[in-house]
Amino acid sequence: MQRMRGIGSLAACAMLVLACDSSTDANISYAASMTGAKERPNPVTSSGTGSFTATLDANNVLTYSFNWTGLNSNTTLSHIHGPATTEQFASVLVNFDNAAAGRIITFGSPSGTASGTIDLKLAATTTVSGDSLRKLLDLGLLYVNVHSSTSPAGEIRGQITRQ
């Protein structure tokens, strides 16, 4: 009888650990709504808007797509930055212009689209692991932005949040 209680307690502990381990979550959704007013350190006056959505699967692969329209000038760059709150700005962690990594983006006009994957089992940069990027995603400390020729520091931005 004592042994059965011990096995039952062990099973309960294992289930609790699995429930708390975010790496076992499947199909977690993230989103961001981008505007010029959200840019930091200096908000941008822009009629541009954008929408970012992403899903993290059980294999730790983030599949994303986003679009933007109405920028003041042609798109030049787009990235994920972090770590930063909505009132902070930060360094680039993921460059969306990386066809070799399966990331497709359109540049050269005030509107565009992007889609691709980010394998969070791999390092995001030389100093940021994929696991750290995942934690920043879950904490809401990453943002996506789109740069333009008239706003080289970024014309529209949105904080990526877990849905």
Protein backbone atom coordinates (compact mmCIF):
# COMPACT_ATOMS: atom_id res chain seq x y z
CA MET A 1 0.00 0.00 0.00
CA GLN A 2 2.83 2.39 0.90
CA ARG A 3 4.51 1.64 -2.45
CA MET A 4 1.27 2.44 -4.37
CA ARG A 5 1.02 5.85 -2.66
CA GLY A 6 4.64 6.54 -3.57
CA ILE A 7 4.00 5.66 -7.22
CA GLY A 8 0.84 7.78 -7.22
CA SER A 9 2.74 10.74 -5.74
CA LEU A 10 5.52 10.32 -8.30
CA ALA A 11 3.01 10.27 -11.15
CA ALA A 12 1.29 13.39 -9.80
CA CYS A 13 4.64 15.20 -9.56
CA ALA A 14 5.54 14.18 -13.11
CA MET A 15 2.21 15.51 -14.42
CA LEU A 16 2.74 18.80 -12.55
CA VAL A 17 6.21 19.22 -14.05
CA LEU A 18 4.87 18.53 -17.53
CA ALA A 19 2.02 21.00 -17.04
CA CYS A 20 4.46 23.74 -16.01
CA ASP A 21 6.98 23.01 -18.79
CA SER A 22 6.22 25.43 -21.62
CA SER A 23 8.26 23.33 -24.06
CA THR A 24 5.44 20.78 -24.20
CA ASP A 25 2.85 23.36 -25.32
CA ALA A 26 1.62 22.86 -28.88
CA ASN A 27 0.29 25.48 -31.27
CA ILE A 28 0.76 28.62 -29.20
CA SER A 29 -0.43 31.76 -31.00
CA TYR A 30 1.23 35.18 -30.97
CA ALA A 31 0.16 38.45 -32.58
CA ALA A 32 1.09 42.11 -32.98
CA SER A 33 -0.70 45.13 -34.41
CA MET A 34 1.73 47.67 -35.91
CA THR A 35 1.41 51.47 -36.11
CA GLY A 36 3.76 54.42 -36.26
CA ALA A 37 2.61 55.68 -32.86
CA LYS A 38 4.13 52.54 -31.27
CA GLU A 39 7.65 53.19 -32.61
CA ARG A 40 10.29 53.99 -29.96
CA PRO A 41 12.20 56.01 -28.99
CA ASN A 42 10.39 58.40 -31.34
CA PRO A 43 6.82 57.67 -32.47
CA VAL A 44 6.31 58.18 -36.20
CA THR A 45 3.44 60.04 -37.84
CA SER A 46 2.31 57.50 -40.40
CA SER A 47 -0.92 56.17 -41.82
CA GLY A 48 0.87 52.83 -42.11
CA THR A 49 -0.49 49.80 -40.31
CA GLY A 50 0.47 46.16 -40.10
CA SER A 51 -0.61 42.86 -38.65
CA PHE A 52 1.70 40.06 -37.46
CA THR A 53 0.59 36.55 -36.51
CA ALA A 54 2.64 33.50 -35.54
CA THR A 55 2.15 29.98 -34.26
CA LEU A 56 4.68 27.99 -32.27
CA ASP A 57 4.36 24.23 -32.79
CA ALA A 58 5.35 21.31 -30.58
CA ASN A 59 8.72 21.10 -32.39
CA ASN A 60 9.60 24.65 -31.29
CA VAL A 61 9.24 26.07 -34.81
CA LEU A 62 7.61 29.48 -35.03
CA THR A 63 5.68 29.95 -38.29
CA TYR A 64 4.80 33.58 -38.95
CA SER A 65 3.16 35.82 -41.51
CA PHE A 66 2.53 39.52 -41.56
CA ASN A 67 1.51 42.33 -43.83
CA TRP A 68 1.63 46.09 -43.84
CA THR A 69 0.20 48.88 -45.91
CA GLY A 70 0.17 52.67 -46.17
CA LEU A 71 3.77 53.45 -45.22
CA ASN A 72 5.04 56.96 -46.00
CA SER A 73 7.65 55.52 -48.38
CA ASN A 74 9.10 52.24 -49.64
CA THR A 75 9.87 49.38 -47.23
CA THR A 76 13.58 48.78 -46.64
CA LEU A 77 13.94 46.39 -43.66
CA SER A 78 11.95 44.40 -41.11
CA HIS A 79 13.01 42.65 -37.91
CA ILE A 80 12.13 41.25 -34.52
CA HIS A 81 13.80 43.29 -31.78
CA GLY A 82 14.21 42.64 -28.07
CA PRO A 83 14.21 42.44 -25.19
CA ALA A 84 12.03 45.54 -24.78
CA THR A 85 8.76 46.66 -23.27
CA THR A 86 6.35 48.76 -25.32
CA GLU A 87 8.18 51.90 -24.15
CA GLN A 88 11.72 50.69 -24.94
CA PHE A 89 13.71 49.99 -28.08
CA ALA A 90 16.22 47.20 -28.53
CA SER A 91 18.64 45.46 -30.87
CA VAL A 92 17.70 43.29 -33.83
CA LEU A 93 17.32 39.61 -32.93
CA VAL A 94 15.75 38.21 -36.13
CA ASN A 95 16.13 39.58 -39.63
CA PHE A 96 13.15 38.74 -41.84
CA ASP A 97 15.23 39.17 -45.01
CA ASN A 98 16.78 35.71 -44.94
CA ALA A 99 15.63 33.46 -47.78
CA ALA A 100 18.24 30.83 -46.87
CA ALA A 101 16.45 30.38 -43.52
CA GLY A 102 13.04 30.10 -45.23
CA ARG A 103 12.01 33.72 -44.67
CA ILE A 104 10.36 35.59 -47.54
CA ILE A 105 9.64 39.34 -47.50
CA THR A 106 8.70 41.96 -50.09
CA PHE A 107 10.52 45.29 -50.16
CA GLY A 108 10.42 48.37 -52.35
CA SER A 109 6.86 49.61 -51.89
CA PRO A 110 4.75 51.14 -49.09
CA SER A 111 2.88 47.82 -48.73
CA GLY A 112 4.15 44.29 -48.40
CA THR A 113 4.05 40.84 -46.90
CA ALA A 114 6.39 38.47 -45.12
CA SER A 115 6.23 34.84 -44.08
CA GLY A 116 8.51 32.11 -42.89
CA THR A 117 9.73 30.07 -39.98
CA ILE A 118 12.12 30.52 -37.07
CA ASP A 119 13.50 27.33 -35.55
CA LEU A 120 13.73 28.03 -31.81
CA LYS A 121 15.91 24.95 -31.33
CA LEU A 122 18.68 26.99 -32.99
CA ALA A 123 20.41 30.17 -31.87
CA ALA A 124 18.65 33.39 -32.90
CA THR A 125 21.93 35.34 -32.87
CA THR A 126 25.46 34.67 -31.71
CA THR A 127 24.42 35.85 -28.23
CA VAL A 128 20.73 34.81 -28.00
CA SER A 129 19.62 31.17 -27.97
CA GLY A 130 16.37 29.97 -29.45
CA ASP A 131 15.25 29.04 -25.94
CA SER A 132 15.87 32.63 -24.78
CA LEU A 133 13.92 33.95 -27.77
CA ARG A 134 11.03 31.66 -26.78
CA LYS A 135 11.08 33.00 -23.23
CA LEU A 136 11.10 36.60 -24.50
CA LEU A 137 8.12 35.76 -26.74
CA ASP A 138 6.16 34.34 -23.82
CA LEU A 139 7.00 37.37 -21.66
CA GLY A 140 5.90 39.84 -24.37
CA LEU A 141 9.36 41.39 -24.60
CA LEU A 142 9.78 41.22 -28.39
CA TYR A 143 8.48 43.55 -31.06
CA VAL A 144 8.26 43.48 -34.82
CA ASN A 145 8.83 46.56 -36.93
CA VAL A 146 9.00 47.63 -40.55
CA HIS A 147 11.51 50.26 -41.70
CA SER A 148 11.05 52.60 -44.66
CA SER A 149 13.28 54.95 -46.63
CA THR A 150 11.82 58.01 -44.82
CA SER A 151 11.90 56.29 -41.39
CA PRO A 152 15.12 54.25 -41.40
CA ALA A 153 14.85 53.50 -37.65
CA GLY A 154 11.37 52.03 -38.20
CA GLU A 155 8.03 53.38 -39.41
CA ILE A 156 5.60 50.96 -37.76
CA ARG A 157 5.97 48.68 -34.76
CA GLY A 158 3.94 46.22 -32.72
CA GLN A 159 4.64 44.34 -29.50
CA ILE A 160 4.36 40.58 -29.98
CA THR A 161 2.04 39.07 -27.38
CA ARG A 162 0.93 35.55 -26.60
CA GLN A 163 -2.75 35.05 -27.42
